[in-house]
């Protein structure tokens, strides 16, 4: 019999990292490729998912990504990932991406994303994840918004399936 899972707070599994946008990360306009930013988002999000679940976690979907402000060659990119919502075996991870001018320190929100991950056991089967301890009004809001995004996605999938009958 397995040990009961210890609930965790979002800050228990939060991850931050930084990158510098180099020419090979950018297009001919001098701005970062969306794909480069997306790969950094997926990498930091899986780290948060693994920290929360304490096991292998795989990307199930990138539910939403918003490119708000272009990121230029030479900008510093600051990424923050946190678990927003958990289900039985899945987790929604929110990622905030800020671009920072390395000379002035000015920081601007550049991208936001929401990704869903599934925790896997040693046999690569979905496994239970710890509950989320919500301690602040912001954590409660993020949890409720994550729940709404998951419910909306399920409803949309059901409607699409029904329309194909």
C-alpha atoms as a PDB file:
ATOM      1  CA  UNK A   1       0.000   0.000   0.000  1.00  0.00           C
ATOM      2  CA  UNK A   2       1.351   3.392  -0.954  1.00  0.00           C
ATOM      3  CA  UNK A   3       1.963   6.210   1.465  1.00  0.00           C
ATOM      4  CA  UNK A   4      -0.688   8.966   1.477  1.00  0.00           C
ATOM      5  CA  UNK A   5       0.267  12.042  -0.541  1.00  0.00           C
ATOM      6  CA  UNK A   6       1.249  15.117   1.443  1.00  0.00           C
ATOM      7  CA  UNK A   7      -0.642  18.205   0.240  1.00  0.00           C
ATOM      8  CA  UNK A   8       1.576  20.996  -1.066  1.00  0.00           C
ATOM      9  CA  UNK A   9       1.176  24.728  -1.556  1.00  0.00           C
ATOM     10  CA  UNK A  10       1.848  26.390  -4.924  1.00  0.00           C
ATOM     11  CA  UNK A  11       5.030  27.953  -3.517  1.00  0.00           C
ATOM     12  CA  UNK A  12       6.362  24.466  -2.630  1.00  0.00           C
ATOM     13  CA  UNK A  13       6.757  23.692  -6.327  1.00  0.00           C
ATOM     14  CA  UNK A  14       7.274  27.151  -7.829  1.00  0.00           C
ATOM     15  CA  UNK A  15      10.211  27.496 -10.215  1.00  0.00           C
ATOM     16  CA  UNK A  16      11.985  30.539 -11.659  1.00  0.00           C
ATOM     17  CA  UNK A  17      14.637  30.732 -14.353  1.00  0.00           C
ATOM     18  CA  UNK A  18      16.245  33.220 -16.703  1.00  0.00           C
ATOM     19  CA  UNK A  19      17.542  33.232 -20.275  1.00  0.00           C
ATOM     20  CA  UNK A  20      19.172  35.762 -22.569  1.00  0.00           C
ATOM     21  CA  UNK A  21      17.679  36.020 -26.059  1.00  0.00           C
ATOM     22  CA  UNK A  22      20.481  35.281 -28.508  1.00  0.00           C
ATOM     23  CA  UNK A  23      20.398  35.700 -32.304  1.00  0.00           C
ATOM     24  CA  UNK A  24      19.680  31.984 -32.823  1.00  0.00           C
ATOM     25  CA  UNK A  25      16.496  32.400 -30.697  1.00  0.00           C
ATOM     26  CA  UNK A  26      15.223  35.193 -32.948  1.00  0.00           C
ATOM     27  CA  UNK A  27      13.643  35.758 -36.342  1.00  0.00           C
ATOM     28  CA  UNK A  28      14.776  38.206 -39.048  1.00  0.00           C
ATOM     29  CA  UNK A  29      12.944  41.022 -37.229  1.00  0.00           C
ATOM     30  CA  UNK A  30      15.214  40.631 -34.201  1.00  0.00           C
ATOM     31  CA  UNK A  31      12.440  39.303 -31.954  1.00  0.00           C
ATOM     32  CA  UNK A  32      12.366  35.946 -30.198  1.00  0.00           C
ATOM     33  CA  UNK A  33      10.716  33.061 -32.026  1.00  0.00           C
ATOM     34  CA  UNK A  34       7.455  32.101 -30.360  1.00  0.00           C
ATOM     35  CA  UNK A  35       8.681  28.497 -30.495  1.00  0.00           C
ATOM     36  CA  UNK A  36      11.817  29.344 -28.504  1.00  0.00           C
ATOM     37  CA  UNK A  37       9.724  31.009 -25.801  1.00  0.00           C
ATOM     38  CA  UNK A  38       7.267  28.093 -25.860  1.00  0.00           C
ATOM     39  CA  UNK A  39      10.079  25.578 -25.314  1.00  0.00           C
ATOM     40  CA  UNK A  40      11.326  27.554 -22.285  1.00  0.00           C
ATOM     41  CA  UNK A  41       7.745  27.672 -20.984  1.00  0.00           C
ATOM     42  CA  UNK A  42       7.305  23.904 -21.360  1.00  0.00           C
ATOM     43  CA  UNK A  43      10.632  23.220 -19.624  1.00  0.00           C
ATOM     44  CA  UNK A  44       9.900  25.377 -16.587  1.00  0.00           C
ATOM     45  CA  UNK A  45       6.318  24.124 -16.371  1.00  0.00           C
ATOM     46  CA  UNK A  46       7.377  20.471 -16.292  1.00  0.00           C
ATOM     47  CA  UNK A  47       9.803  21.287 -13.471  1.00  0.00           C
ATOM     48  CA  UNK A  48       6.954  22.745 -11.407  1.00  0.00           C
ATOM     49  CA  UNK A  49       4.740  19.742 -12.237  1.00  0.00           C
ATOM     50  CA  UNK A  50       7.466  17.278 -11.231  1.00  0.00           C
ATOM     51  CA  UNK A  51       8.177  19.144  -8.008  1.00  0.00           C
ATOM     52  CA  UNK A  52       4.475  19.078  -7.098  1.00  0.00           C
ATOM     53  CA  UNK A  53       3.814  15.458  -8.064  1.00  0.00           C
ATOM     54  CA  UNK A  54       7.233  14.089  -7.006  1.00  0.00           C
ATOM     55  CA  UNK A  55       7.198  11.888 -10.102  1.00  0.00           C
ATOM     56  CA  UNK A  56       7.436  11.984 -13.866  1.00  0.00           C
ATOM     57  CA  UNK A  57       5.016  14.439 -15.448  1.00  0.00           C
ATOM     58  CA  UNK A  58       4.216  14.863 -19.122  1.00  0.00           C
ATOM     59  CA  UNK A  59       2.648  17.732 -21.029  1.00  0.00           C
ATOM     60  CA  UNK A  60      -0.972  16.898 -21.858  1.00  0.00           C
ATOM     61  CA  UNK A  61      -1.778  20.236 -23.467  1.00  0.00           C
ATOM     62  CA  UNK A  62      -0.782  23.833 -23.789  1.00  0.00           C
ATOM     63  CA  UNK A  63      -4.167  25.259 -23.018  1.00  0.00           C
ATOM     64  CA  UNK A  64      -3.436  28.882 -23.683  1.00  0.00           C
ATOM     65  CA  UNK A  65      -0.499  31.061 -24.574  1.00  0.00           C
ATOM     66  CA  UNK A  66      -0.675  34.825 -24.974  1.00  0.00           C
ATOM     67  CA  UNK A  67       2.157  36.739 -26.592  1.00  0.00           C
ATOM     68  CA  UNK A  68       1.705  40.203 -25.129  1.00  0.00           C
ATOM     69  CA  UNK A  69       4.905  42.072 -25.931  1.00  0.00           C
ATOM     70  CA  UNK A  70       7.775  41.173 -28.314  1.00  0.00           C
ATOM     71  CA  UNK A  71      11.075  40.108 -26.809  1.00  0.00           C
ATOM     72  CA  UNK A  72      14.205  41.462 -28.508  1.00  0.00           C
ATOM     73  CA  UNK A  73      17.658  39.989 -29.000  1.00  0.00           C
ATOM     74  CA  UNK A  74      19.655  40.843 -25.872  1.00  0.00           C
ATOM     75  CA  UNK A  75      16.633  41.022 -23.568  1.00  0.00           C
ATOM     76  CA  UNK A  76      16.754  38.973 -20.400  1.00  0.00           C
ATOM     77  CA  UNK A  77      13.784  36.654 -20.072  1.00  0.00           C
ATOM     78  CA  UNK A  78      12.494  35.865 -16.578  1.00  0.00           C
ATOM     79  CA  UNK A  79      10.113  32.900 -16.371  1.00  0.00           C
ATOM     80  CA  UNK A  80       8.057  31.924 -13.311  1.00  0.00           C
ATOM     81  CA  UNK A  81       5.970  28.744 -13.094  1.00  0.00           C
ATOM     82  CA  UNK A  82       3.513  27.689 -10.406  1.00  0.00           C
ATOM     83  CA  UNK A  83       0.845  25.038  -9.946  1.00  0.00           C
ATOM     84  CA  UNK A  84      -2.546  26.741 -10.214  1.00  0.00           C
ATOM     85  CA  UNK A  85      -4.932  23.792 -10.064  1.00  0.00           C
ATOM     86  CA  UNK A  86      -4.828  20.049  -9.461  1.00  0.00           C
ATOM     87  CA  UNK A  87      -7.244  17.293 -10.358  1.00  0.00           C
ATOM     88  CA  UNK A  88      -6.859  13.620  -9.534  1.00  0.00           C
ATOM     89  CA  UNK A  89      -3.853  12.918 -11.784  1.00  0.00           C
ATOM     90  CA  UNK A  90      -3.421  16.219 -13.591  1.00  0.00           C
ATOM     91  CA  UNK A  91      -2.121  19.683 -12.831  1.00  0.00           C
ATOM     92  CA  UNK A  92      -2.502  23.083 -14.460  1.00  0.00           C
ATOM     93  CA  UNK A  93       0.711  25.077 -14.423  1.00  0.00           C
ATOM     94  CA  UNK A  94       0.695  28.821 -15.004  1.00  0.00           C
ATOM     95  CA  UNK A  95       3.782  30.442 -16.484  1.00  0.00           C
ATOM     96  CA  UNK A  96       4.524  34.156 -16.514  1.00  0.00           C
ATOM     97  CA  UNK A  97       7.245  35.459 -18.816  1.00  0.00           C
ATOM     98  CA  UNK A  98       8.714  38.921 -18.316  1.00  0.00           C
ATOM     99  CA  UNK A  99      11.261  40.570 -20.559  1.00  0.00           C
ATOM    100  CA  UNK A 100      13.853  42.672 -18.823  1.00  0.00           C
ATOM    101  CA  UNK A 101      16.128  45.335 -20.217  1.00  0.00           C
ATOM    102  CA  UNK A 102      19.570  44.366 -18.852  1.00  0.00           C
ATOM    103  CA  UNK A 103      20.750  47.986 -18.784  1.00  0.00           C
ATOM    104  CA  UNK A 104      17.777  49.783 -17.233  1.00  0.00           C
ATOM    105  CA  UNK A 105      16.208  46.918 -15.286  1.00  0.00           C
ATOM    106  CA  UNK A 106      12.794  47.745 -16.771  1.00  0.00           C
ATOM    107  CA  UNK A 107      10.617  44.625 -16.703  1.00  0.00           C
ATOM    108  CA  UNK A 108       7.515  44.099 -18.850  1.00  0.00           C
ATOM    109  CA  UNK A 109       5.098  41.162 -19.043  1.00  0.00           C
ATOM    110  CA  UNK A 110       5.766  39.494 -22.389  1.00  0.00           C
ATOM    111  CA  UNK A 111       3.908  36.179 -22.358  1.00  0.00           C
ATOM    112  CA  UNK A 112       1.545  34.142 -20.205  1.00  0.00           C
ATOM    113  CA  UNK A 113       0.711  30.473 -20.617  1.00  0.00           C
ATOM    114  CA  UNK A 114      -1.335  27.697 -19.044  1.00  0.00           C
ATOM    115  CA  UNK A 115      -0.298  24.081 -19.495  1.00  0.00           C
ATOM    116  CA  UNK A 116      -1.815  20.807 -18.311  1.00  0.00           C
ATOM    117  CA  UNK A 117       0.384  17.953 -17.122  1.00  0.00           C
ATOM    118  CA  UNK A 118      -0.372  14.375 -16.117  1.00  0.00           C
ATOM    119  CA  UNK A 119       1.649  12.647 -13.398  1.00  0.00           C
ATOM    120  CA  UNK A 120       2.918   9.159 -14.284  1.00  0.00           C
ATOM    121  CA  UNK A 121       3.930   6.251 -12.075  1.00  0.00           C
ATOM    122  CA  UNK A 122       6.848   3.867 -12.717  1.00  0.00           C
ATOM    123  CA  UNK A 123       4.706   1.971 -15.269  1.00  0.00           C
ATOM    124  CA  UNK A 124       3.955   5.203 -17.203  1.00  0.00           C
ATOM    125  CA  UNK A 125       0.325   5.135 -16.017  1.00  0.00           C
ATOM    126  CA  UNK A 126      -1.476   8.205 -14.618  1.00  0.00           C
ATOM    127  CA  UNK A 127      -1.058   8.472 -10.858  1.00  0.00           C
ATOM    128  CA  UNK A 128      -2.575  10.635  -8.130  1.00  0.00           C
ATOM    129  CA  UNK A 129      -1.086  14.032  -7.374  1.00  0.00           C
ATOM    130  CA  UNK A 130      -1.042  15.826  -4.013  1.00  0.00           C
ATOM    131  CA  UNK A 131      -3.856  18.197  -3.165  1.00  0.00           C
ATOM    132  CA  UNK A 132      -3.114  21.891  -3.345  1.00  0.00           C
ATOM    133  CA  UNK A 133      -3.005  23.921  -0.138  1.00  0.00           C
ATOM    134  CA  UNK A 134      -4.353  27.387  -0.929  1.00  0.00           C
ATOM    135  CA  UNK A 135      -3.032  30.015   1.472  1.00  0.00           C
ATOM    136  CA  UNK A 136      -3.593  33.392  -0.180  1.00  0.00           C
ATOM    137  CA  UNK A 137      -6.430  35.129  -2.052  1.00  0.00           C
ATOM    138  CA  UNK A 138      -4.264  35.032  -5.200  1.00  0.00           C
ATOM    139  CA  UNK A 139      -3.774  31.263  -4.894  1.00  0.00           C
ATOM    140  CA  UNK A 140      -7.524  30.782  -4.392  1.00  0.00           C
ATOM    141  CA  UNK A 141      -8.261  32.956  -7.448  1.00  0.00           C
ATOM    142  CA  UNK A 142      -5.737  31.065  -9.589  1.00  0.00           C
ATOM    143  CA  UNK A 143      -7.191  27.729  -8.465  1.00  0.00           C
ATOM    144  CA  UNK A 144     -10.751  28.793  -9.332  1.00  0.00           C
ATOM    145  CA  UNK A 145      -9.669  30.235 -12.682  1.00  0.00           C
ATOM    146  CA  UNK A 146      -7.788  26.989 -13.422  1.00  0.00           C
ATOM    147  CA  UNK A 147     -10.864  24.950 -12.528  1.00  0.00           C
ATOM    148  CA  UNK A 148     -12.936  27.091 -14.910  1.00  0.00           C
ATOM    149  CA  UNK A 149     -10.397  26.649 -17.722  1.00  0.00           C
ATOM    150  CA  UNK A 150     -10.428  22.850 -17.239  1.00  0.00           C
ATOM    151  CA  UNK A 151     -14.229  22.687 -17.122  1.00  0.00           C
ATOM    152  CA  UNK A 152     -14.529  24.917 -20.190  1.00  0.00           C
ATOM    153  CA  UNK A 153     -12.050  22.775 -22.138  1.00  0.00           C
ATOM    154  CA  UNK A 154     -13.960  19.594 -21.219  1.00  0.00           C
ATOM    155  CA  UNK A 155     -17.257  21.171 -22.264  1.00  0.00           C
ATOM    156  CA  UNK A 156     -15.793  22.311 -25.580  1.00  0.00           C
ATOM    157  CA  UNK A 157     -14.378  18.821 -26.233  1.00  0.00           C
ATOM    158  CA  UNK A 158     -17.793  17.306 -25.483  1.00  0.00           C
ATOM    159  CA  UNK A 159     -19.551  19.746 -27.837  1.00  0.00           C
ATOM    160  CA  UNK A 160     -17.072  19.027 -30.627  1.00  0.00           C
ATOM    161  CA  UNK A 161     -17.495  15.266 -30.139  1.00  0.00           C
ATOM    162  CA  UNK A 162     -21.300  15.613 -30.150  1.00  0.00           C
ATOM    163  CA  UNK A 163     -21.189  17.700 -33.359  1.00  0.00           C
ATOM    164  CA  UNK A 164     -19.417  14.856 -35.160  1.00  0.00           C
ATOM    165  CA  UNK A 165     -22.215  12.365 -34.524  1.00  0.00           C
END
